[in-house]
């Protein structure tokens, strides 16, 4: 299983989404968090599971049950999770993010 680094902005996005869903219904945010964790686990086991994102070196993988997408790069030593983004809000806002060390 490949290790990953979660971009601090991606982590913030996830926490905001969890909070919003918990306001909609108690526990729903935790369900989102669990689905994101499962998506990250699937990506870690098989980074090729995600589809290529346009003509970039990013891949993406949709989260089950919720309208969120994990955008990531498969790097030699690890996976870099660039964004956990709502699939229909602010397209491509995350593409200017750079992995640590770049």
C-alpha atoms as a PDB file:
ATOM      1  CA  UNK A   1       0.000   0.000   0.000  1.00  0.00           C
ATOM      2  CA  UNK A   2       1.470   3.323  -1.050  1.00  0.00           C
ATOM      3  CA  UNK A   3       1.774   6.156   1.462  1.00  0.00           C
ATOM      4  CA  UNK A   4       0.130   9.470   0.718  1.00  0.00           C
ATOM      5  CA  UNK A   5       0.405  13.119   1.595  1.00  0.00           C
ATOM      6  CA  UNK A   6      -2.828  15.035   1.940  1.00  0.00           C
ATOM      7  CA  UNK A   7      -2.404  18.646   0.827  1.00  0.00           C
ATOM      8  CA  UNK A   8      -3.324  21.005   3.666  1.00  0.00           C
ATOM      9  CA  UNK A   9      -5.930  22.685   1.447  1.00  0.00           C
ATOM     10  CA  UNK A  10      -7.436  19.281   0.624  1.00  0.00           C
ATOM     11  CA  UNK A  11      -7.608  18.490   4.339  1.00  0.00           C
ATOM     12  CA  UNK A  12      -9.343  21.823   4.942  1.00  0.00           C
ATOM     13  CA  UNK A  13     -11.835  21.087   2.132  1.00  0.00           C
ATOM     14  CA  UNK A  14     -12.672  17.739   3.673  1.00  0.00           C
ATOM     15  CA  UNK A  15     -13.225  19.209   7.138  1.00  0.00           C
ATOM     16  CA  UNK A  16     -15.460  21.955   5.723  1.00  0.00           C
ATOM     17  CA  UNK A  17     -17.540  19.400   3.811  1.00  0.00           C
ATOM     18  CA  UNK A  18     -17.843  17.151   6.875  1.00  0.00           C
ATOM     19  CA  UNK A  19     -19.026  20.118   8.961  1.00  0.00           C
ATOM     20  CA  UNK A  20     -21.556  21.157   6.316  1.00  0.00           C
ATOM     21  CA  UNK A  21     -22.998  17.645   6.022  1.00  0.00           C
ATOM     22  CA  UNK A  22     -23.206  17.326   9.813  1.00  0.00           C
ATOM     23  CA  UNK A  23     -25.322  20.490   9.850  1.00  0.00           C
ATOM     24  CA  UNK A  24     -27.666  18.894   7.320  1.00  0.00           C
ATOM     25  CA  UNK A  25     -28.067  15.736   9.395  1.00  0.00           C
ATOM     26  CA  UNK A  26     -26.229  14.548  12.481  1.00  0.00           C
ATOM     27  CA  UNK A  27     -23.678  11.916  11.490  1.00  0.00           C
ATOM     28  CA  UNK A  28     -23.878  12.552   7.750  1.00  0.00           C
ATOM     29  CA  UNK A  29     -20.492  14.296   7.811  1.00  0.00           C
ATOM     30  CA  UNK A  30     -18.966  11.217   9.400  1.00  0.00           C
ATOM     31  CA  UNK A  31     -20.451   9.121   6.598  1.00  0.00           C
ATOM     32  CA  UNK A  32     -18.765  11.422   4.056  1.00  0.00           C
ATOM     33  CA  UNK A  33     -15.478  11.132   5.954  1.00  0.00           C
ATOM     34  CA  UNK A  34     -15.744   7.330   5.919  1.00  0.00           C
ATOM     35  CA  UNK A  35     -16.433   7.288   2.173  1.00  0.00           C
ATOM     36  CA  UNK A  36     -13.432   9.552   1.520  1.00  0.00           C
ATOM     37  CA  UNK A  37     -11.234   7.283   3.663  1.00  0.00           C
ATOM     38  CA  UNK A  38     -12.406   4.270   1.670  1.00  0.00           C
ATOM     39  CA  UNK A  39     -11.652   6.092  -1.594  1.00  0.00           C
ATOM     40  CA  UNK A  40      -8.164   6.964  -0.335  1.00  0.00           C
ATOM     41  CA  UNK A  41      -7.583   3.345   0.663  1.00  0.00           C
ATOM     42  CA  UNK A  42      -8.612   2.150  -2.813  1.00  0.00           C
ATOM     43  CA  UNK A  43      -6.272   4.686  -4.415  1.00  0.00           C
ATOM     44  CA  UNK A  44      -3.409   3.654  -2.119  1.00  0.00           C
ATOM     45  CA  UNK A  45      -3.829  -0.016  -3.012  1.00  0.00           C
ATOM     46  CA  UNK A  46      -4.094   0.669  -6.748  1.00  0.00           C
ATOM     47  CA  UNK A  47      -3.136   4.208  -7.872  1.00  0.00           C
ATOM     48  CA  UNK A  48      -4.106   3.325 -11.451  1.00  0.00           C
ATOM     49  CA  UNK A  49      -7.728   3.010 -10.315  1.00  0.00           C
ATOM     50  CA  UNK A  50      -8.253   6.695 -10.930  1.00  0.00           C
ATOM     51  CA  UNK A  51      -8.799   8.019 -14.422  1.00  0.00           C
ATOM     52  CA  UNK A  52      -6.421  10.495 -16.032  1.00  0.00           C
ATOM     53  CA  UNK A  53      -7.591  14.070 -15.640  1.00  0.00           C
ATOM     54  CA  UNK A  54      -7.562  15.714 -19.038  1.00  0.00           C
ATOM     55  CA  UNK A  55      -4.024  16.283 -20.337  1.00  0.00           C
ATOM     56  CA  UNK A  56      -2.397  16.565 -16.910  1.00  0.00           C
ATOM     57  CA  UNK A  57      -0.362  14.353 -14.612  1.00  0.00           C
ATOM     58  CA  UNK A  58      -3.322  14.253 -12.217  1.00  0.00           C
ATOM     59  CA  UNK A  59      -5.721  11.385 -11.779  1.00  0.00           C
ATOM     60  CA  UNK A  60      -9.159  11.492 -10.188  1.00  0.00           C
ATOM     61  CA  UNK A  61     -11.413   9.119  -8.333  1.00  0.00           C
ATOM     62  CA  UNK A  62     -15.043   9.714  -7.402  1.00  0.00           C
ATOM     63  CA  UNK A  63     -16.181   9.229  -3.820  1.00  0.00           C
ATOM     64  CA  UNK A  64     -19.134   6.866  -3.361  1.00  0.00           C
ATOM     65  CA  UNK A  65     -22.515   8.324  -2.292  1.00  0.00           C
ATOM     66  CA  UNK A  66     -21.342  11.958  -2.248  1.00  0.00           C
ATOM     67  CA  UNK A  67     -20.597  14.452  -5.037  1.00  0.00           C
ATOM     68  CA  UNK A  68     -16.863  14.633  -4.274  1.00  0.00           C
ATOM     69  CA  UNK A  69     -13.784  13.765  -6.276  1.00  0.00           C
ATOM     70  CA  UNK A  70     -10.252  13.042  -5.063  1.00  0.00           C
ATOM     71  CA  UNK A  71      -7.600  14.560  -7.356  1.00  0.00           C
ATOM     72  CA  UNK A  72      -4.133  13.109  -6.940  1.00  0.00           C
ATOM     73  CA  UNK A  73      -0.706  12.503  -8.421  1.00  0.00           C
ATOM     74  CA  UNK A  74       1.013   9.146  -8.315  1.00  0.00           C
ATOM     75  CA  UNK A  75       4.615  10.046  -7.507  1.00  0.00           C
ATOM     76  CA  UNK A  76       7.496   7.549  -7.286  1.00  0.00           C
ATOM     77  CA  UNK A  77       7.673   7.504  -3.484  1.00  0.00           C
ATOM     78  CA  UNK A  78       4.100   8.373  -2.552  1.00  0.00           C
ATOM     79  CA  UNK A  79       0.714   9.676  -3.604  1.00  0.00           C
ATOM     80  CA  UNK A  80      -0.017  13.364  -3.300  1.00  0.00           C
ATOM     81  CA  UNK A  81      -3.690  14.181  -2.702  1.00  0.00           C
ATOM     82  CA  UNK A  82      -4.150  17.630  -4.221  1.00  0.00           C
ATOM     83  CA  UNK A  83      -7.854  18.123  -3.597  1.00  0.00           C
ATOM     84  CA  UNK A  84     -11.052  16.629  -2.270  1.00  0.00           C
ATOM     85  CA  UNK A  85     -13.376  18.727  -4.357  1.00  0.00           C
ATOM     86  CA  UNK A  86     -17.089  18.986  -4.953  1.00  0.00           C
ATOM     87  CA  UNK A  87     -17.580  17.666  -8.465  1.00  0.00           C
ATOM     88  CA  UNK A  88     -19.627  20.607  -9.751  1.00  0.00           C
ATOM     89  CA  UNK A  89     -18.293  23.629  -7.873  1.00  0.00           C
ATOM     90  CA  UNK A  90     -15.378  25.798  -9.002  1.00  0.00           C
ATOM     91  CA  UNK A  91     -13.849  23.458 -11.579  1.00  0.00           C
ATOM     92  CA  UNK A  92     -10.048  23.343 -11.722  1.00  0.00           C
ATOM     93  CA  UNK A  93      -9.503  25.742  -8.785  1.00  0.00           C
ATOM     94  CA  UNK A  94      -7.072  23.230  -7.267  1.00  0.00           C
ATOM     95  CA  UNK A  95      -4.821  22.809 -10.331  1.00  0.00           C
ATOM     96  CA  UNK A  96      -2.349  25.505  -9.242  1.00  0.00           C
ATOM     97  CA  UNK A  97      -1.475  23.544  -6.111  1.00  0.00           C
ATOM     98  CA  UNK A  98       2.021  22.118  -5.979  1.00  0.00           C
ATOM     99  CA  UNK A  99       3.220  19.021  -4.147  1.00  0.00           C
ATOM    100  CA  UNK A 100       5.662  19.520  -1.259  1.00  0.00           C
ATOM    101  CA  UNK A 101       9.169  20.226  -2.473  1.00  0.00           C
ATOM    102  CA  UNK A 102       8.087  21.807  -5.785  1.00  0.00           C
END
